[in-house]
Amino acid sequence: MTMSLENVLYTGKAHTTGGRNGASRSSDGRLDIKLSSAGTPGTALIRSSCSPPAGSACFMGAMGLAAAK
């Protein structure tokens, strides 16, 4: 499948520093989090905790579109 600029609906950018024990901020400022490795003390978000909520939100959106059709 060839993708052209006419097909792009949304792009997102984030800047991450410090790797697994760093921080990440989206270009629009809506996401600004501190990251930590699993098993370390503190209140920062564990990197592997980010994917499940994002994936489930995407899945729910796709299901809603499919159900509407």
Protein backbone atom coordinates (compact mmCIF):
# COMPACT_ATOMS: atom_id res chain seq x y z
CA MET A 1 0.00 0.00 0.00
CA THR A 2 1.41 3.37 -1.01
CA MET A 3 0.76 6.22 1.38
CA SER A 4 0.58 9.78 0.10
CA LEU A 5 0.21 13.02 2.01
CA GLU A 6 -3.46 13.18 1.04
CA ASN A 7 -4.06 10.03 3.14
CA VAL A 8 -2.46 11.37 6.34
CA LEU A 9 -5.11 12.29 8.90
CA TYR A 10 -2.94 13.02 11.91
CA THR A 11 0.70 13.02 12.93
CA GLY A 12 2.12 13.21 16.40
CA LYS A 13 5.56 14.02 17.73
CA ALA A 14 7.14 13.52 21.13
CA HIS A 15 10.54 14.35 22.58
CA THR A 16 12.01 11.89 25.05
CA THR A 17 15.12 12.42 27.16
CA GLY A 18 16.92 10.11 29.55
CA GLY A 19 15.65 6.84 28.10
CA ARG A 20 13.74 4.52 30.46
CA ASN A 21 14.44 6.76 33.45
CA GLY A 22 13.75 10.03 31.71
CA ALA A 23 10.80 12.09 30.56
CA SER A 24 8.65 12.46 27.46
CA ARG A 25 6.60 15.39 26.19
CA SER A 26 4.37 15.60 23.12
CA SER A 27 4.79 18.53 20.72
CA ASP A 28 1.27 19.77 21.52
CA GLY A 29 1.96 19.64 25.28
CA ARG A 30 -0.97 17.35 26.03
CA LEU A 31 1.35 14.62 27.27
CA ASP A 32 4.15 15.48 29.70
CA ILE A 33 5.31 12.53 31.80
CA LYS A 34 8.26 11.26 33.80
CA LEU A 35 9.34 7.70 33.02
CA SER A 36 10.89 5.00 35.20
CA SER A 37 12.00 1.41 34.80
CA ALA A 38 9.82 -1.38 36.15
CA GLY A 39 10.71 -2.31 39.71
CA THR A 40 12.15 1.08 40.65
CA PRO A 41 10.62 3.22 43.40
CA GLY A 42 8.88 6.49 42.65
CA THR A 43 5.78 7.92 41.06
CA ALA A 44 6.93 8.07 37.43
CA LEU A 45 5.08 6.11 34.75
CA ILE A 46 6.57 2.77 33.76
CA ARG A 47 7.24 2.84 30.02
CA SER A 48 5.43 -0.44 29.34
CA SER A 49 2.27 1.01 30.91
CA CYS A 50 1.82 3.45 28.01
CA SER A 51 0.98 1.01 25.22
CA PRO A 52 -2.09 -0.78 26.65
CA PRO A 53 -4.19 2.37 27.19
CA ALA A 54 -3.24 3.78 23.79
CA GLY A 55 -3.96 0.50 22.05
CA SER A 56 -7.31 -0.01 23.77
CA ALA A 57 -8.42 3.55 22.97
CA CYS A 58 -7.52 3.01 19.31
CA PHE A 59 -9.36 -0.34 19.28
CA MET A 60 -12.49 1.22 20.82
CA GLY A 61 -12.46 3.96 18.18
CA ALA A 62 -12.16 1.39 15.38
CA MET A 63 -14.99 -0.68 16.86
CA GLY A 64 -17.18 2.41 17.05
CA LEU A 65 -16.56 3.18 13.38
CA ALA A 66 -17.24 -0.42 12.38
CA ALA A 67 -20.45 -0.52 14.44
CA ALA A 68 -21.66 2.71 12.84
CA LYS A 69 -21.37 1.10 9.41
